[in-house]
Amino acid sequence: MEIKELEVRDWILLGSALIVVIGWFVDGLLNRRHEIAKLRAEHRIDTLKNFISFFVEANEKKSLDKFNDIQVQFYLYGYKDEVALIKHVTDIVTTDPNNPEWLSTLKQLNILVRNRLRKELRLPKVKS
């Protein structure tokens, strides 16, 4: 059996096929990253919107109803500084429920969350 040497057109065909296969894998990888980023952004925006609704109600009623739900959402989708503020509120409430500091900490978190939500939605900052 005789082995035929590859001609230029054979190398071009082989190179083209290799480029197509590599492009297919890269496209799949980029699409997966994009889908994950979209899903993460949706969950993050939902978390921030839920917190703002919770904050308005907590501020009006001076109550922490539904705080556990917000706490879990921040533990899942919050940034480090947001989680630290949520932990601080939790520490205050568990050690001294009558301490009004939890409300001021929630106000700090509200400003942080509002600015981040606007930034993630590419809206200008609002004056506090």
N, C-alpha and C. Protein backbone atom coordinates (compact mmCIF):
# COMPACT_ATOMS: atom_id res chain seq x y z
N MET A 1 0.84 -1.16 0.00
CA MET A 1 0.00 0.00 0.00
C MET A 1 0.89 1.24 0.00
N GLU A 2 0.60 2.12 -0.85
CA GLU A 2 1.42 3.31 -1.03
C GLU A 2 0.80 4.48 -0.28
N ILE A 3 1.62 5.20 0.50
CA ILE A 3 1.14 6.37 1.25
C ILE A 3 1.34 7.58 0.36
N LYS A 4 0.26 8.28 0.17
CA LYS A 4 0.28 9.46 -0.69
C LYS A 4 0.66 10.69 0.13
N GLU A 5 1.53 11.49 -0.37
CA GLU A 5 1.89 12.73 0.30
C GLU A 5 0.75 13.71 0.16
N LEU A 6 0.56 14.51 1.21
CA LEU A 6 -0.51 15.50 1.20
C LEU A 6 -0.09 16.69 0.34
N GLU A 7 -1.02 17.09 -0.47
CA GLU A 7 -0.78 18.26 -1.32
C GLU A 7 -1.29 19.50 -0.58
N VAL A 8 -1.01 20.64 -1.17
CA VAL A 8 -1.40 21.91 -0.56
C VAL A 8 -2.90 21.97 -0.34
N ARG A 9 -3.69 21.53 -1.30
CA ARG A 9 -5.15 21.59 -1.16
C ARG A 9 -5.62 20.66 -0.02
N ASP A 10 -4.91 19.54 0.20
CA ASP A 10 -5.25 18.65 1.31
C ASP A 10 -4.98 19.33 2.64
N TRP A 11 -3.85 20.04 2.73
CA TRP A 11 -3.52 20.77 3.95
C TRP A 11 -4.53 21.89 4.21
N ILE A 12 -4.95 22.55 3.15
CA ILE A 12 -5.95 23.62 3.29
C ILE A 12 -7.27 23.03 3.79
N LEU A 13 -7.68 21.91 3.26
CA LEU A 13 -8.91 21.25 3.68
C LEU A 13 -8.81 20.81 5.15
N LEU A 14 -7.69 20.20 5.51
CA LEU A 14 -7.47 19.77 6.88
C LEU A 14 -7.46 20.96 7.85
N GLY A 15 -6.76 22.02 7.47
CA GLY A 15 -6.71 23.23 8.30
C GLY A 15 -8.08 23.86 8.46
N SER A 16 -8.86 23.89 7.39
CA SER A 16 -10.21 24.46 7.45
C SER A 16 -11.10 23.67 8.39
N ALA A 17 -11.02 22.34 8.30
CA ALA A 17 -11.82 21.48 9.17
C ALA A 17 -11.41 21.69 10.64
N LEU A 18 -10.13 21.82 10.88
CA LEU A 18 -9.64 22.04 12.25
C LEU A 18 -10.13 23.38 12.78
N ILE A 19 -10.11 24.41 11.98
CA ILE A 19 -10.59 25.73 12.39
C ILE A 19 -12.08 25.68 12.72
N VAL A 20 -12.86 24.97 11.90
CA VAL A 20 -14.30 24.84 12.15
C VAL A 20 -14.56 24.13 13.48
N VAL A 21 -13.85 23.05 13.75
CA VAL A 21 -14.05 22.30 14.98
C VAL A 21 -13.66 23.14 16.20
N ILE A 22 -12.53 23.81 16.13
CA ILE A 22 -12.09 24.66 17.24
C ILE A 22 -13.10 25.80 17.45
N GLY A 23 -13.56 26.40 16.38
CA GLY A 23 -14.56 27.47 16.46
C GLY A 23 -15.86 26.99 17.09
N TRP A 24 -16.24 25.77 16.78
CA TRP A 24 -17.46 25.19 17.35
C TRP A 24 -17.32 25.04 18.86
N PHE A 25 -16.18 24.54 19.33
CA PHE A 25 -15.96 24.39 20.77
C PHE A 25 -15.88 25.74 21.47
N VAL A 26 -15.19 26.69 20.89
CA VAL A 26 -15.06 28.02 21.49
C VAL A 26 -16.42 28.69 21.56
N ASP A 27 -17.22 28.57 20.50
CA ASP A 27 -18.56 29.15 20.49
C ASP A 27 -19.43 28.53 21.58
N GLY A 28 -19.35 27.22 21.76
CA GLY A 28 -20.10 26.55 22.82
C GLY A 28 -19.69 27.05 24.20
N LEU A 29 -18.39 27.20 24.41
CA LEU A 29 -17.87 27.69 25.69
C LEU A 29 -18.35 29.12 25.96
N LEU A 30 -18.25 29.98 24.96
CA LEU A 30 -18.67 31.37 25.14
C LEU A 30 -20.17 31.48 25.36
N ASN A 31 -20.95 30.67 24.66
CA ASN A 31 -22.41 30.68 24.86
C ASN A 31 -22.76 30.23 26.27
N ARG A 32 -22.07 29.20 26.77
CA ARG A 32 -22.32 28.73 28.14
C ARG A 32 -22.00 29.81 29.16
N ARG A 33 -20.87 30.47 29.00
CA ARG A 33 -20.50 31.56 29.91
C ARG A 33 -21.54 32.68 29.87
N HIS A 34 -22.01 32.99 28.68
CA HIS A 34 -23.01 34.05 28.52
C HIS A 34 -24.32 33.68 29.22
N GLU A 35 -24.76 32.45 29.05
CA GLU A 35 -26.00 32.00 29.69
C GLU A 35 -25.87 32.02 31.21
N ILE A 36 -24.74 31.60 31.73
CA ILE A 36 -24.51 31.62 33.18
C ILE A 36 -24.51 33.05 33.69
N ALA A 37 -23.87 33.95 32.96
CA ALA A 37 -23.82 35.36 33.37
C ALA A 37 -25.23 35.97 33.36
N LYS A 38 -26.04 35.63 32.37
CA LYS A 38 -27.41 36.13 32.32
C LYS A 38 -28.22 35.63 33.51
N LEU A 39 -28.10 34.34 33.80
CA LEU A 39 -28.82 33.75 34.91
C LEU A 39 -28.38 34.36 36.24
N ARG A 40 -27.07 34.54 36.41
CA ARG A 40 -26.54 35.15 37.63
C ARG A 40 -27.08 36.58 37.77
N ALA A 41 -27.10 37.33 36.68
CA ALA A 41 -27.59 38.71 36.73
C ALA A 41 -29.07 38.75 37.09
N GLU A 42 -29.86 37.84 36.54
CA GLU A 42 -31.29 37.79 36.86
C GLU A 42 -31.50 37.53 38.35
N HIS A 43 -30.79 36.54 38.89
CA HIS A 43 -30.93 36.24 40.32
C HIS A 43 -30.45 37.40 41.18
N ARG A 44 -29.38 38.01 40.78
CA ARG A 44 -28.82 39.13 41.54
C ARG A 44 -29.79 40.30 41.55
N ILE A 45 -30.35 40.64 40.41
CA ILE A 45 -31.28 41.76 40.33
C ILE A 45 -32.54 41.45 41.13
N ASP A 46 -33.02 40.21 41.07
CA ASP A 46 -34.18 39.82 41.89
C ASP A 46 -33.87 39.98 43.38
N THR A 47 -32.68 39.58 43.79
CA THR A 47 -32.27 39.71 45.19
C THR A 47 -32.29 41.18 45.61
N LEU A 48 -31.72 42.03 44.78
CA LEU A 48 -31.64 43.45 45.12
C LEU A 48 -33.03 44.09 45.15
N LYS A 49 -33.88 43.74 44.18
CA LYS A 49 -35.25 44.27 44.18
C LYS A 49 -36.02 43.79 45.40
N ASN A 50 -35.88 42.51 45.74
CA ASN A 50 -36.57 41.98 46.92
C ASN A 50 -36.11 42.67 48.19
N PHE A 51 -34.81 42.95 48.28
CA PHE A 51 -34.31 43.64 49.47
C PHE A 51 -34.90 45.04 49.57
N ILE A 52 -34.96 45.76 48.47
CA ILE A 52 -35.49 47.12 48.52
C ILE A 52 -36.95 47.10 48.98
N SER A 53 -37.74 46.15 48.47
CA SER A 53 -39.13 46.01 48.93
C SER A 53 -39.18 45.66 50.42
N PHE A 54 -38.33 44.74 50.84
CA PHE A 54 -38.25 44.36 52.25
C PHE A 54 -37.88 45.56 53.10
N PHE A 55 -36.89 46.34 52.64
CA PHE A 55 -36.41 47.48 53.42
C PHE A 55 -37.52 48.50 53.63
N VAL A 56 -38.28 48.79 52.60
CA VAL A 56 -39.37 49.76 52.72
C VAL A 56 -40.37 49.28 53.78
N GLU A 57 -40.72 48.01 53.73
CA GLU A 57 -41.67 47.47 54.71
C GLU A 57 -41.06 47.44 56.11
N ALA A 58 -39.80 47.06 56.23
CA ALA A 58 -39.14 47.02 57.54
C ALA A 58 -39.03 48.41 58.13
N ASN A 59 -38.78 49.39 57.30
CA ASN A 59 -38.65 50.76 57.77
C ASN A 59 -40.00 51.31 58.25
N GLU A 60 -41.06 50.97 57.56
CA GLU A 60 -42.39 51.44 57.94
C GLU A 60 -42.87 50.76 59.23
N LYS A 61 -42.71 49.44 59.30
CA LYS A 61 -43.26 48.67 60.42
C LYS A 61 -42.26 48.45 61.54
N LYS A 62 -41.00 48.82 61.32
CA LYS A 62 -39.93 48.55 62.29
C LYS A 62 -39.93 47.07 62.67
N SER A 63 -40.08 46.24 61.64
CA SER A 63 -40.18 44.80 61.84
C SER A 63 -39.26 44.08 60.86
N LEU A 64 -38.80 42.90 61.25
CA LEU A 64 -37.93 42.11 60.39
C LEU A 64 -38.65 40.89 59.80
N ASP A 65 -39.95 41.02 59.55
CA ASP A 65 -40.68 39.94 58.90
C ASP A 65 -40.05 39.67 57.53
N LYS A 66 -39.87 38.42 57.21
CA LYS A 66 -39.29 37.95 55.94
C LYS A 66 -37.79 38.23 55.84
N PHE A 67 -37.15 38.58 56.95
CA PHE A 67 -35.71 38.83 56.92
C PHE A 67 -34.93 37.57 56.56
N ASN A 68 -35.40 36.41 57.01
CA ASN A 68 -34.70 35.16 56.72
C ASN A 68 -34.60 34.91 55.21
N ASP A 69 -35.67 35.22 54.48
CA ASP A 69 -35.64 35.05 53.02
C ASP A 69 -34.59 35.96 52.39
N ILE A 70 -34.56 37.20 52.84
CA ILE A 70 -33.59 38.16 52.32
C ILE A 70 -32.17 37.73 52.69
N GLN A 71 -32.01 37.26 53.91
CA GLN A 71 -30.71 36.81 54.39
C GLN A 71 -30.18 35.68 53.50
N VAL A 72 -31.01 34.71 53.20
CA VAL A 72 -30.60 33.58 52.35
C VAL A 72 -30.24 34.06 50.95
N GLN A 73 -31.04 34.96 50.41
CA GLN A 73 -30.74 35.47 49.06
C GLN A 73 -29.39 36.19 49.03
N PHE A 74 -29.08 36.96 50.05
CA PHE A 74 -27.79 37.64 50.09
C PHE A 74 -26.65 36.66 50.27
N TYR A 75 -26.86 35.63 51.07
CA TYR A 75 -25.80 34.62 51.23
C TYR A 75 -25.54 33.92 49.90
N LEU A 76 -26.56 33.76 49.09
CA LEU A 76 -26.38 33.10 47.79
C LEU A 76 -25.83 34.04 46.72
N TYR A 77 -26.34 35.26 46.65
CA TYR A 77 -26.03 36.13 45.51
C TYR A 77 -25.41 37.46 45.88
N GLY A 78 -25.11 37.69 47.15
CA GLY A 78 -24.57 38.98 47.56
C GLY A 78 -23.06 39.05 47.46
N TYR A 79 -22.55 40.27 47.40
CA TYR A 79 -21.12 40.50 47.45
C TYR A 79 -20.68 40.48 48.91
N LYS A 80 -19.36 40.43 49.13
CA LYS A 80 -18.83 40.29 50.49
C LYS A 80 -19.30 41.40 51.43
N ASP A 81 -19.28 42.64 50.97
CA ASP A 81 -19.68 43.74 51.85
C ASP A 81 -21.17 43.68 52.17
N GLU A 82 -21.99 43.22 51.23
CA GLU A 82 -23.42 43.08 51.49
C GLU A 82 -23.67 41.96 52.50
N VAL A 83 -22.98 40.85 52.33
CA VAL A 83 -23.12 39.73 53.27
C VAL A 83 -22.66 40.14 54.67
N ALA A 84 -21.60 40.93 54.74
CA ALA A 84 -21.10 41.41 56.04
C ALA A 84 -22.16 42.27 56.74
N LEU A 85 -22.83 43.13 55.99
CA LEU A 85 -23.88 43.96 56.59
C LEU A 85 -25.07 43.11 57.05
N ILE A 86 -25.43 42.12 56.25
CA ILE A 86 -26.53 41.21 56.64
C ILE A 86 -26.15 40.45 57.90
N LYS A 87 -24.92 39.98 57.98
CA LYS A 87 -24.46 39.28 59.18
C LYS A 87 -24.48 40.21 60.39
N HIS A 88 -24.12 41.47 60.18
CA HIS A 88 -24.13 42.44 61.27
C HIS A 88 -25.56 42.64 61.79
N VAL A 89 -26.52 42.77 60.89
CA VAL A 89 -27.93 42.90 61.29
C VAL A 89 -28.35 41.66 62.07
N THR A 90 -27.97 40.49 61.58
CA THR A 90 -28.32 39.24 62.26
C THR A 90 -27.73 39.19 63.66
N ASP A 91 -26.47 39.60 63.79
CA ASP A 91 -25.82 39.62 65.11
C ASP A 91 -26.53 40.56 66.07
N ILE A 92 -26.90 41.73 65.58
CA ILE A 92 -27.59 42.71 66.42
C ILE A 92 -28.93 42.17 66.90
N VAL A 93 -29.69 41.62 65.95
CA VAL A 93 -31.04 41.15 66.27
C VAL A 93 -31.01 39.94 67.20
N THR A 94 -30.02 39.06 67.03
CA THR A 94 -29.98 37.87 67.89
C THR A 94 -29.47 38.19 69.29
N THR A 95 -28.60 39.20 69.43
CA THR A 95 -28.09 39.53 70.76
C THR A 95 -29.00 40.51 71.50
N ASP A 96 -29.52 41.51 70.78
CA ASP A 96 -30.38 42.52 71.42
C ASP A 96 -31.44 42.98 70.42
N PRO A 97 -32.59 42.30 70.38
CA PRO A 97 -33.63 42.63 69.39
C PRO A 97 -34.15 44.07 69.49
N ASN A 98 -34.02 44.71 70.64
CA ASN A 98 -34.53 46.07 70.81
C ASN A 98 -33.52 47.14 70.41
N ASN A 99 -32.33 46.73 70.03
CA ASN A 99 -31.30 47.68 69.62
C ASN A 99 -31.68 48.28 68.26
N PRO A 100 -31.82 49.62 68.18
CA PRO A 100 -32.24 50.25 66.92
C PRO A 100 -31.13 50.29 65.86
N GLU A 101 -29.95 49.80 66.19
CA GLU A 101 -28.83 49.83 65.24
C GLU A 101 -29.11 48.98 64.00
N TRP A 102 -29.95 47.95 64.14
CA TRP A 102 -30.24 47.09 62.98
C TRP A 102 -30.88 47.89 61.86
N LEU A 103 -31.71 48.88 62.22
CA LEU A 103 -32.36 49.69 61.19
C LEU A 103 -31.36 50.59 60.48
N SER A 104 -30.41 51.16 61.21
CA SER A 104 -29.41 52.01 60.55
C SER A 104 -28.49 51.18 59.66
N THR A 105 -28.20 49.94 60.08
CA THR A 105 -27.38 49.05 59.24
C THR A 105 -28.15 48.68 57.98
N LEU A 106 -29.44 48.45 58.11
CA LEU A 106 -30.26 48.17 56.92
C LEU A 106 -30.29 49.38 55.99
N LYS A 107 -30.28 50.58 56.55
CA LYS A 107 -30.25 51.79 55.71
C LYS A 107 -28.94 51.85 54.92
N GLN A 108 -27.83 51.52 55.57
CA GLN A 108 -26.54 51.48 54.87
C GLN A 108 -26.60 50.47 53.72
N LEU A 109 -27.15 49.30 54.03
CA LEU A 109 -27.26 48.26 53.01
C LEU A 109 -28.19 48.70 51.89
N ASN A 110 -29.25 49.42 52.24
CA ASN A 110 -30.19 49.91 51.22
C ASN A 110 -29.49 50.84 50.24
N ILE A 111 -28.69 51.75 50.75
CA ILE A 111 -27.97 52.68 49.87
C ILE A 111 -27.00 51.92 48.96
N LEU A 112 -26.28 50.99 49.56
CA LEU A 112 -25.34 50.17 48.79
C LEU A 112 -26.06 49.37 47.71
N VAL A 113 -27.15 48.73 48.09
CA VAL A 113 -27.90 47.89 47.14
C VAL A 113 -28.53 48.74 46.05
N ARG A 114 -29.11 49.86 46.42
CA ARG A 114 -29.75 50.73 45.42
C ARG A 114 -28.74 51.20 44.39
N ASN A 115 -27.56 51.63 44.85
CA ASN A 115 -26.55 52.10 43.91
C ASN A 115 -26.04 50.96 43.02
N ARG A 116 -25.87 49.78 43.62
CA ARG A 116 -25.41 48.64 42.81
C ARG A 116 -26.45 48.20 41.80
N LEU A 117 -27.71 48.20 42.21
CA LEU A 117 -28.78 47.82 41.28
C LEU A 117 -28.82 48.79 40.12
N ARG A 118 -28.73 50.06 40.41
CA ARG A 118 -28.73 51.06 39.33
C ARG A 118 -27.51 50.90 38.44
N LYS A 119 -26.37 50.58 39.04
CA LYS A 119 -25.15 50.39 38.26
C LYS A 119 -25.29 49.16 37.36
N GLU A 120 -25.82 48.06 37.90
CA GLU A 120 -25.97 46.85 37.11
C GLU A 120 -26.99 47.03 35.99
N LEU A 121 -27.96 47.93 36.20
CA LEU A 121 -28.92 48.24 35.15
C LEU A 121 -28.47 49.39 34.28
N ARG A 122 -27.25 49.88 34.56
CA ARG A 122 -26.63 51.00 33.82
C ARG A 122 -27.48 52.28 33.88
N LEU A 123 -27.94 52.57 35.08
CA LEU A 123 -28.68 53.79 35.35
C LEU A 123 -27.79 54.71 36.20
N PRO A 124 -27.97 56.03 36.12
CA PRO A 124 -27.13 56.93 36.91
C PRO A 124 -27.45 56.80 38.41
N LYS A 125 -26.46 57.15 39.24
CA LYS A 125 -26.64 57.13 40.69
C LYS A 125 -27.69 58.14 41.10
N VAL A 126 -28.37 57.84 42.22
CA VAL A 126 -29.35 58.76 42.79
C VAL A 126 -28.75 59.32 44.06
N LYS A 127 -28.95 60.60 44.29
CA LYS A 127 -28.44 61.21 45.52
C LYS A 127 -29.17 60.61 46.71
N SER A 128 -28.42 60.38 47.77
CA SER A 128 -29.01 59.78 49.00
C SER A 128 -29.83 60.79 49.76
